[in-house]
Amino acid sequence: MNRTQSTTAADKKFDGFTDEERAAMKEHAQELKTAARRGSAAAKADGERDVLTKIAEMAEADRVLAERIHAVIKASAPALSPKLWYGMPAYAKDGKIVCFFQPALKFKARYATLGFNDPANLDDGTMWPTAFALTELTADDEARISALVKQAAS
């Protein structure tokens, strides 16, 4: 080995998690601790409050979308429980995340995302979408989201 070569970890660049990803994981760890301290009766009301607080903290473009998405989901699938998931508004059934709103600024993306997880009943053949990019919401978009959320929560 050449004397000018170094094998220390400090000299190697790690291409792992971004700062935003690490922050999201820390948020999720805190969410799990908070949920463990709360009773199940208080969890739903506290989850709603947590989601609305998180939405209120968002930049305007994300906040406007998140407020509409929240309203559509609450109206379309009232059985889903709002809660935070990796610091994002999410909606759960039987404790499992069905869908979530990812603000554009969360991971420095150019658009916000409405995503669906495995518990969502959206299976359609051998391929179906699990995430939708959002830049604004029209009445038609809201109707489509409503139908998707109803199906996902069924």
N, C-alpha and C. Protein backbone atom coordinates (compact mmCIF):
# COMPACT_ATOMS: atom_id res chain seq x y z
N MET A 1 0.85 -1.18 0.00
CA MET A 1 0.00 0.00 0.00
C MET A 1 0.89 1.24 0.00
N ASN A 2 0.54 2.18 -0.81
CA ASN A 2 1.25 3.45 -0.93
C ASN A 2 1.02 4.27 0.34
N ARG A 3 2.06 4.95 0.82
CA ARG A 3 1.94 5.76 2.04
C ARG A 3 0.91 6.88 1.88
N THR A 4 0.66 7.35 0.68
CA THR A 4 -0.29 8.44 0.48
C THR A 4 -1.73 7.93 0.43
N GLN A 5 -1.91 6.62 0.31
CA GLN A 5 -3.26 6.07 0.30
C GLN A 5 -3.74 5.87 1.74
N SER A 6 -4.98 6.10 1.96
CA SER A 6 -5.54 5.94 3.29
C SER A 6 -6.73 5.01 3.23
N THR A 7 -6.93 4.24 4.26
CA THR A 7 -8.06 3.32 4.31
C THR A 7 -9.01 3.66 5.45
N THR A 8 -8.89 4.82 6.02
CA THR A 8 -9.77 5.18 7.13
C THR A 8 -11.16 5.48 6.62
N ALA A 9 -12.13 5.23 7.47
CA ALA A 9 -13.53 5.46 7.11
C ALA A 9 -13.80 6.93 6.81
N ALA A 10 -13.07 7.82 7.48
CA ALA A 10 -13.28 9.25 7.28
C ALA A 10 -12.92 9.68 5.86
N ASP A 11 -12.05 8.93 5.22
CA ASP A 11 -11.63 9.29 3.87
C ASP A 11 -12.60 8.80 2.79
N LYS A 12 -13.49 7.90 3.14
CA LYS A 12 -14.41 7.32 2.16
C LYS A 12 -15.73 8.07 2.20
N LYS A 13 -16.27 8.33 1.02
CA LYS A 13 -17.56 9.02 0.94
C LYS A 13 -18.67 7.98 0.99
N PHE A 14 -19.59 8.15 1.91
CA PHE A 14 -20.72 7.24 2.05
C PHE A 14 -21.89 7.80 1.27
N ASP A 15 -22.42 7.01 0.36
CA ASP A 15 -23.55 7.45 -0.47
C ASP A 15 -24.85 6.84 0.05
N GLY A 16 -25.04 6.83 1.36
CA GLY A 16 -26.21 6.22 1.98
C GLY A 16 -27.39 7.17 2.01
N PHE A 17 -27.99 7.30 3.16
CA PHE A 17 -29.19 8.10 3.32
C PHE A 17 -28.89 9.59 3.21
N THR A 18 -29.83 10.31 2.62
CA THR A 18 -29.71 11.76 2.55
C THR A 18 -30.06 12.36 3.91
N ASP A 19 -29.78 13.62 4.09
CA ASP A 19 -30.15 14.30 5.33
C ASP A 19 -31.66 14.24 5.53
N GLU A 20 -32.42 14.39 4.44
CA GLU A 20 -33.89 14.34 4.52
C GLU A 20 -34.37 12.96 4.94
N GLU A 21 -33.73 11.92 4.41
CA GLU A 21 -34.12 10.55 4.77
C GLU A 21 -33.81 10.26 6.24
N ARG A 22 -32.65 10.71 6.70
CA ARG A 22 -32.29 10.52 8.11
C ARG A 22 -33.27 11.27 9.01
N ALA A 23 -33.65 12.47 8.61
CA ALA A 23 -34.62 13.25 9.40
C ALA A 23 -35.96 12.53 9.45
N ALA A 24 -36.39 11.95 8.34
CA ALA A 24 -37.66 11.22 8.31
C ALA A 24 -37.61 10.00 9.22
N MET A 25 -36.49 9.31 9.24
CA MET A 25 -36.35 8.15 10.13
C MET A 25 -36.39 8.57 11.59
N LYS A 26 -35.77 9.69 11.91
CA LYS A 26 -35.81 10.20 13.29
C LYS A 26 -37.24 10.58 13.67
N GLU A 27 -37.96 11.20 12.73
CA GLU A 27 -39.36 11.54 12.99
C GLU A 27 -40.18 10.29 13.25
N HIS A 28 -39.94 9.25 12.46
CA HIS A 28 -40.69 8.01 12.63
C HIS A 28 -40.39 7.37 13.98
N ALA A 29 -39.15 7.38 14.39
CA ALA A 29 -38.79 6.83 15.70
C ALA A 29 -39.52 7.59 16.81
N GLN A 30 -39.58 8.91 16.69
CA GLN A 30 -40.31 9.71 17.68
C GLN A 30 -41.80 9.41 17.64
N GLU A 31 -42.36 9.22 16.44
CA GLU A 31 -43.78 8.87 16.30
C GLU A 31 -44.08 7.55 17.01
N LEU A 32 -43.20 6.57 16.87
CA LEU A 32 -43.40 5.28 17.52
C LEU A 32 -43.35 5.41 19.04
N LYS A 33 -42.43 6.23 19.55
CA LYS A 33 -42.35 6.45 20.99
C LYS A 33 -43.61 7.13 21.50
N THR A 34 -44.08 8.13 20.77
CA THR A 34 -45.28 8.85 21.16
C THR A 34 -46.49 7.93 21.15
N ALA A 35 -46.62 7.11 20.11
CA ALA A 35 -47.75 6.18 20.00
C ALA A 35 -47.73 5.18 21.14
N ALA A 36 -46.56 4.74 21.56
CA ALA A 36 -46.46 3.78 22.65
C ALA A 36 -46.93 4.38 23.97
N ARG A 37 -46.73 5.68 24.14
CA ARG A 37 -47.16 6.36 25.37
C ARG A 37 -48.66 6.63 25.40
N ARG A 38 -49.26 6.75 24.22
CA ARG A 38 -50.69 7.08 24.14
C ARG A 38 -51.53 5.81 24.26
N GLY A 39 -52.71 5.97 24.82
CA GLY A 39 -53.66 4.87 24.84
C GLY A 39 -54.38 4.79 23.51
N SER A 40 -54.99 3.67 23.21
CA SER A 40 -55.65 3.51 21.92
C SER A 40 -56.83 4.46 21.75
N ALA A 41 -57.53 4.77 22.84
CA ALA A 41 -58.67 5.68 22.74
C ALA A 41 -58.23 7.09 22.35
N ALA A 42 -57.12 7.52 22.90
CA ALA A 42 -56.62 8.87 22.61
C ALA A 42 -55.86 8.93 21.30
N ALA A 43 -55.42 7.80 20.80
CA ALA A 43 -54.55 7.78 19.62
C ALA A 43 -55.21 8.40 18.39
N LYS A 44 -56.50 8.12 18.16
CA LYS A 44 -57.16 8.63 16.96
C LYS A 44 -57.28 10.16 17.02
N ALA A 45 -57.74 10.70 18.14
CA ALA A 45 -57.87 12.15 18.28
C ALA A 45 -56.50 12.81 18.22
N ASP A 46 -55.53 12.21 18.88
CA ASP A 46 -54.18 12.77 18.86
C ASP A 46 -53.58 12.68 17.46
N GLY A 47 -53.87 11.60 16.74
CA GLY A 47 -53.38 11.44 15.38
C GLY A 47 -53.92 12.52 14.47
N GLU A 48 -55.19 12.81 14.61
CA GLU A 48 -55.82 13.89 13.82
C GLU A 48 -55.13 15.21 14.11
N ARG A 49 -54.93 15.51 15.39
CA ARG A 49 -54.28 16.76 15.78
C ARG A 49 -52.85 16.82 15.25
N ASP A 50 -52.13 15.72 15.35
CA ASP A 50 -50.75 15.67 14.85
C ASP A 50 -50.69 15.94 13.35
N VAL A 51 -51.59 15.32 12.60
CA VAL A 51 -51.62 15.50 11.14
C VAL A 51 -51.94 16.95 10.78
N LEU A 52 -52.95 17.52 11.44
CA LEU A 52 -53.32 18.90 11.14
C LEU A 52 -52.19 19.87 11.52
N THR A 53 -51.48 19.58 12.59
CA THR A 53 -50.33 20.42 12.99
C THR A 53 -49.24 20.32 11.94
N LYS A 54 -48.95 19.11 11.48
CA LYS A 54 -47.91 18.91 10.46
C LYS A 54 -48.29 19.62 9.16
N ILE A 55 -49.55 19.52 8.77
CA ILE A 55 -50.01 20.20 7.56
C ILE A 55 -49.84 21.71 7.69
N ALA A 56 -50.18 22.25 8.85
CA ALA A 56 -50.07 23.69 9.08
C ALA A 56 -48.63 24.18 8.99
N GLU A 57 -47.66 23.30 9.26
CA GLU A 57 -46.24 23.67 9.21
C GLU A 57 -45.67 23.66 7.79
N MET A 58 -46.40 23.11 6.85
CA MET A 58 -45.89 22.96 5.47
C MET A 58 -45.82 24.28 4.74
N ALA A 59 -44.95 24.33 3.74
CA ALA A 59 -44.90 25.48 2.83
C ALA A 59 -46.25 25.58 2.13
N GLU A 60 -46.59 26.77 1.67
CA GLU A 60 -47.94 27.03 1.15
C GLU A 60 -48.40 26.05 0.07
N ALA A 61 -47.58 25.80 -0.93
CA ALA A 61 -48.01 24.92 -2.03
C ALA A 61 -48.33 23.52 -1.51
N ASP A 62 -47.48 22.98 -0.65
CA ASP A 62 -47.73 21.65 -0.07
C ASP A 62 -48.92 21.69 0.88
N ARG A 63 -49.03 22.75 1.66
CA ARG A 63 -50.11 22.86 2.63
C ARG A 63 -51.48 22.87 1.95
N VAL A 64 -51.60 23.62 0.86
CA VAL A 64 -52.88 23.70 0.14
C VAL A 64 -53.28 22.30 -0.35
N LEU A 65 -52.34 21.59 -0.94
CA LEU A 65 -52.63 20.23 -1.41
C LEU A 65 -52.96 19.30 -0.24
N ALA A 66 -52.18 19.36 0.82
CA ALA A 66 -52.38 18.47 1.97
C ALA A 66 -53.73 18.71 2.62
N GLU A 67 -54.14 19.97 2.74
CA GLU A 67 -55.45 20.27 3.33
C GLU A 67 -56.58 19.66 2.50
N ARG A 68 -56.49 19.77 1.18
CA ARG A 68 -57.53 19.20 0.30
C ARG A 68 -57.50 17.68 0.35
N ILE A 69 -56.32 17.09 0.30
CA ILE A 69 -56.19 15.63 0.37
C ILE A 69 -56.78 15.14 1.70
N HIS A 70 -56.44 15.81 2.79
CA HIS A 70 -56.96 15.42 4.11
C HIS A 70 -58.49 15.45 4.11
N ALA A 71 -59.06 16.52 3.60
CA ALA A 71 -60.52 16.65 3.57
C ALA A 71 -61.15 15.55 2.71
N VAL A 72 -60.57 15.28 1.56
CA VAL A 72 -61.12 14.25 0.66
C VAL A 72 -61.04 12.88 1.33
N ILE A 73 -59.92 12.57 1.94
CA ILE A 73 -59.77 11.26 2.59
C ILE A 73 -60.73 11.12 3.76
N LYS A 74 -60.85 12.16 4.58
CA LYS A 74 -61.77 12.10 5.72
C LYS A 74 -63.21 11.90 5.26
N ALA A 75 -63.60 12.57 4.18
CA ALA A 75 -64.97 12.44 3.68
C ALA A 75 -65.21 11.10 2.98
N SER A 76 -64.20 10.60 2.29
CA SER A 76 -64.34 9.38 1.49
C SER A 76 -64.19 8.10 2.30
N ALA A 77 -63.36 8.14 3.30
CA ALA A 77 -63.07 6.94 4.09
C ALA A 77 -62.92 7.32 5.57
N PRO A 78 -64.03 7.66 6.22
CA PRO A 78 -63.94 8.10 7.62
C PRO A 78 -63.41 7.04 8.57
N ALA A 79 -63.38 5.78 8.15
CA ALA A 79 -62.85 4.72 9.00
C ALA A 79 -61.33 4.76 9.08
N LEU A 80 -60.68 5.44 8.15
CA LEU A 80 -59.23 5.55 8.19
C LEU A 80 -58.84 6.53 9.30
N SER A 81 -57.81 6.17 10.03
CA SER A 81 -57.33 7.00 11.14
C SER A 81 -56.13 7.82 10.71
N PRO A 82 -56.22 9.15 10.83
CA PRO A 82 -55.06 9.99 10.51
C PRO A 82 -53.95 9.77 11.53
N LYS A 83 -52.73 9.76 11.04
CA LYS A 83 -51.57 9.66 11.92
C LYS A 83 -50.35 10.10 11.14
N LEU A 84 -49.29 10.41 11.85
CA LEU A 84 -48.05 10.76 11.18
C LEU A 84 -47.27 9.49 10.88
N TRP A 85 -46.60 9.51 9.74
CA TRP A 85 -45.80 8.37 9.31
C TRP A 85 -44.56 8.94 8.65
N TYR A 86 -43.42 8.76 9.26
CA TYR A 86 -42.16 9.37 8.80
C TYR A 86 -42.31 10.88 8.63
N GLY A 87 -43.11 11.48 9.52
CA GLY A 87 -43.31 12.92 9.49
C GLY A 87 -44.26 13.40 8.41
N MET A 88 -45.02 12.48 7.82
CA MET A 88 -45.96 12.84 6.75
C MET A 88 -47.38 12.48 7.19
N PRO A 89 -48.37 13.23 6.73
CA PRO A 89 -49.75 12.84 6.99
C PRO A 89 -50.04 11.48 6.35
N ALA A 90 -50.61 10.59 7.15
CA ALA A 90 -50.94 9.26 6.65
C ALA A 90 -52.28 8.83 7.23
N TYR A 91 -52.84 7.78 6.65
CA TYR A 91 -54.17 7.33 7.04
C TYR A 91 -54.14 5.81 7.13
N ALA A 92 -54.52 5.31 8.32
CA ALA A 92 -54.35 3.89 8.62
C ALA A 92 -55.68 3.19 8.84
N LYS A 93 -55.65 1.89 8.57
CA LYS A 93 -56.78 1.00 8.85
C LYS A 93 -56.21 -0.15 9.67
N ASP A 94 -56.78 -0.39 10.82
CA ASP A 94 -56.30 -1.43 11.71
C ASP A 94 -54.81 -1.28 12.01
N GLY A 95 -54.37 -0.02 12.15
CA GLY A 95 -52.99 0.27 12.50
C GLY A 95 -52.00 0.22 11.35
N LYS A 96 -52.46 -0.14 10.15
CA LYS A 96 -51.57 -0.23 8.99
C LYS A 96 -51.83 0.94 8.05
N ILE A 97 -50.76 1.56 7.59
CA ILE A 97 -50.87 2.72 6.71
C ILE A 97 -51.43 2.28 5.35
N VAL A 98 -52.54 2.90 4.98
CA VAL A 98 -53.18 2.62 3.69
C VAL A 98 -52.69 3.63 2.65
N CYS A 99 -52.70 4.92 3.03
CA CYS A 99 -52.27 5.95 2.10
C CYS A 99 -51.59 7.08 2.87
N PHE A 100 -50.85 7.91 2.12
CA PHE A 100 -50.10 8.98 2.75
C PHE A 100 -49.89 10.12 1.75
N PHE A 101 -49.64 11.30 2.31
CA PHE A 101 -49.31 12.47 1.50
C PHE A 101 -47.86 12.83 1.76
N GLN A 102 -47.07 12.87 0.71
CA GLN A 102 -45.66 13.25 0.83
C GLN A 102 -45.48 14.64 0.22
N PRO A 103 -45.20 15.65 1.04
CA PRO A 103 -45.00 17.00 0.51
C PRO A 103 -43.78 17.05 -0.41
N ALA A 104 -43.82 17.89 -1.39
CA ALA A 104 -42.70 18.02 -2.34
C ALA A 104 -41.41 18.38 -1.62
N LEU A 105 -41.50 19.27 -0.64
CA LEU A 105 -40.29 19.72 0.04
C LEU A 105 -39.71 18.69 0.99
N LYS A 106 -40.46 17.63 1.32
CA LYS A 106 -39.98 16.61 2.26
C LYS A 106 -38.66 16.02 1.78
N PHE A 107 -38.59 15.67 0.51
CA PHE A 107 -37.36 15.10 -0.05
C PHE A 107 -36.86 15.91 -1.24
N LYS A 108 -37.20 17.20 -1.23
CA LYS A 108 -36.77 18.13 -2.28
C LYS A 108 -37.16 17.65 -3.68
N ALA A 109 -38.39 17.17 -3.79
CA ALA A 109 -38.93 16.71 -5.07
C ALA A 109 -39.61 17.86 -5.79
N ARG A 110 -39.89 17.69 -7.05
CA ARG A 110 -40.54 18.76 -7.79
C ARG A 110 -42.06 18.70 -7.71
N TYR A 111 -42.59 17.66 -7.07
CA TYR A 111 -44.04 17.53 -6.90
C TYR A 111 -44.34 16.76 -5.61
N ALA A 112 -45.52 17.00 -5.06
CA ALA A 112 -46.00 16.25 -3.92
C ALA A 112 -46.52 14.90 -4.43
N THR A 113 -46.72 13.97 -3.50
CA THR A 113 -47.15 12.63 -3.89
C THR A 113 -48.26 12.14 -2.97
N LEU A 114 -49.26 11.50 -3.56
CA LEU A 114 -50.25 10.73 -2.82
C LEU A 114 -49.88 9.28 -3.07
N GLY A 115 -49.53 8.57 -2.00
CA GLY A 115 -49.07 7.19 -2.14
C GLY A 115 -49.97 6.22 -1.41
N PHE A 116 -49.94 4.98 -1.88
CA PHE A 116 -50.72 3.90 -1.29
C PHE A 116 -49.78 2.75 -0.94
N ASN A 117 -49.97 2.16 0.24
CA ASN A 117 -49.15 1.05 0.69
C ASN A 117 -49.86 -0.28 0.44
N ASP A 118 -49.19 -1.38 0.75
CA ASP A 118 -49.72 -2.72 0.51
C ASP A 118 -51.13 -2.97 1.05
N PRO A 119 -51.49 -2.45 2.23
CA PRO A 119 -52.86 -2.73 2.73
C PRO A 119 -53.97 -2.10 1.87
N ALA A 120 -53.63 -1.20 0.97
CA ALA A 120 -54.64 -0.58 0.10
C ALA A 120 -55.17 -1.62 -0.88
N ASN A 121 -56.48 -1.70 -0.97
CA ASN A 121 -57.13 -2.67 -1.87
C ASN A 121 -57.27 -2.08 -3.26
N LEU A 122 -56.14 -1.90 -3.92
CA LEU A 122 -56.14 -1.30 -5.26
C LEU A 122 -55.70 -2.29 -6.34
N ASP A 123 -55.49 -3.54 -5.96
CA ASP A 123 -55.02 -4.54 -6.91
C ASP A 123 -55.94 -4.58 -8.14
N ASP A 124 -55.31 -4.53 -9.30
CA ASP A 124 -56.05 -4.55 -10.56
C ASP A 124 -55.20 -5.27 -11.60
N GLY A 125 -55.41 -6.57 -11.74
CA GLY A 125 -54.61 -7.34 -12.69
C GLY A 125 -53.21 -7.57 -12.15
N THR A 126 -52.23 -7.44 -13.04
CA THR A 126 -50.85 -7.71 -12.66
C THR A 126 -50.04 -6.43 -12.44
N MET A 127 -50.68 -5.26 -12.65
CA MET A 127 -49.96 -3.99 -12.47
C MET A 127 -50.96 -2.88 -12.17
N TRP A 128 -50.64 -2.06 -11.16
CA TRP A 128 -51.49 -0.92 -10.82
C TRP A 128 -50.63 0.16 -10.16
N PRO A 129 -51.08 1.40 -10.22
CA PRO A 129 -50.29 2.48 -9.63
C PRO A 129 -50.38 2.48 -8.10
N THR A 130 -49.29 2.87 -7.46
CA THR A 130 -49.28 2.99 -6.01
C THR A 130 -48.93 4.40 -5.54
N ALA A 131 -48.63 5.29 -6.47
CA ALA A 131 -48.32 6.68 -6.11
C ALA A 131 -48.71 7.59 -7.27
N PHE A 132 -49.14 8.79 -6.90
CA PHE A 132 -49.57 9.78 -7.88
C PHE A 132 -48.88 11.10 -7.60
N ALA A 133 -48.29 11.69 -8.61
CA ALA A 133 -47.69 13.01 -8.49
C ALA A 133 -48.81 14.05 -8.46
N LEU A 134 -48.65 15.05 -7.59
CA LEU A 134 -49.66 16.11 -7.47
C LEU A 134 -49.00 17.47 -7.61
N THR A 135 -49.54 18.29 -8.50
CA THR A 135 -49.05 19.66 -8.60
C THR A 135 -50.17 20.64 -8.24
N GLU A 136 -51.40 20.23 -8.47
CA GLU A 136 -52.59 20.98 -8.05
C GLU A 136 -53.74 20.00 -8.07
N LEU A 137 -54.87 20.39 -7.53
CA LEU A 137 -56.03 19.50 -7.51
C LEU A 137 -57.23 20.17 -8.16
N THR A 138 -57.79 19.49 -9.15
CA THR A 138 -59.03 19.94 -9.77
C THR A 138 -60.17 19.15 -9.15
N ALA A 139 -61.38 19.51 -9.47
CA ALA A 139 -62.55 18.76 -8.99
C ALA A 139 -62.49 17.32 -9.50
N ASP A 140 -62.06 17.13 -10.74
CA ASP A 140 -61.93 15.78 -11.28
C ASP A 140 -60.87 14.98 -10.52
N ASP A 141 -59.74 15.63 -10.18
CA ASP A 141 -58.69 14.96 -9.42
C ASP A 141 -59.22 14.52 -8.05
N GLU A 142 -59.96 15.42 -7.40
CA GLU A 142 -60.51 15.10 -6.09
C GLU A 142 -61.49 13.94 -6.17
N ALA A 143 -62.30 13.90 -7.23
CA ALA A 143 -63.24 12.79 -7.41
C ALA A 143 -62.48 11.48 -7.62
N ARG A 144 -61.41 11.52 -8.38
CA ARG A 144 -60.60 10.32 -8.61
C ARG A 144 -59.94 9.86 -7.31
N ILE A 145 -59.41 10.81 -6.55
CA ILE A 145 -58.78 10.48 -5.27
C ILE A 145 -59.82 9.88 -4.33
N SER A 146 -61.01 10.46 -4.30
CA SER A 146 -62.07 9.94 -3.45
C SER A 146 -62.38 8.48 -3.79
N ALA A 147 -62.52 8.19 -5.07
CA ALA A 147 -62.81 6.82 -5.51
C ALA A 147 -61.66 5.88 -5.14
N LEU A 148 -60.42 6.32 -5.34
CA LEU A 148 -59.26 5.48 -5.00
C LEU A 148 -59.20 5.21 -3.50
N VAL A 149 -59.43 6.23 -2.70
CA VAL A 149 -59.36 6.07 -1.25
C VAL A 149 -60.47 5.14 -0.75
N LYS A 150 -61.67 5.30 -1.30
CA LYS A 150 -62.78 4.40 -0.92
C LYS A 150 -62.41 2.97 -1.23
N GLN A 151 -61.88 2.73 -2.42
CA GLN A 151 -61.49 1.38 -2.81
C GLN A 151 -60.33 0.89 -1.94
N ALA A 152 -59.36 1.74 -1.70
CA ALA A 152 -58.20 1.36 -0.90
C ALA A 152 -58.58 0.96 0.52
N ALA A 153 -59.57 1.64 1.08
CA ALA A 153 -59.98 1.39 2.46
C ALA A 153 -60.98 0.25 2.59
N SER A 154 -61.50 -0.24 1.48
CA SER A 154 -62.54 -1.28 1.54
C SER A 154 -61.98 -2.62 1.98
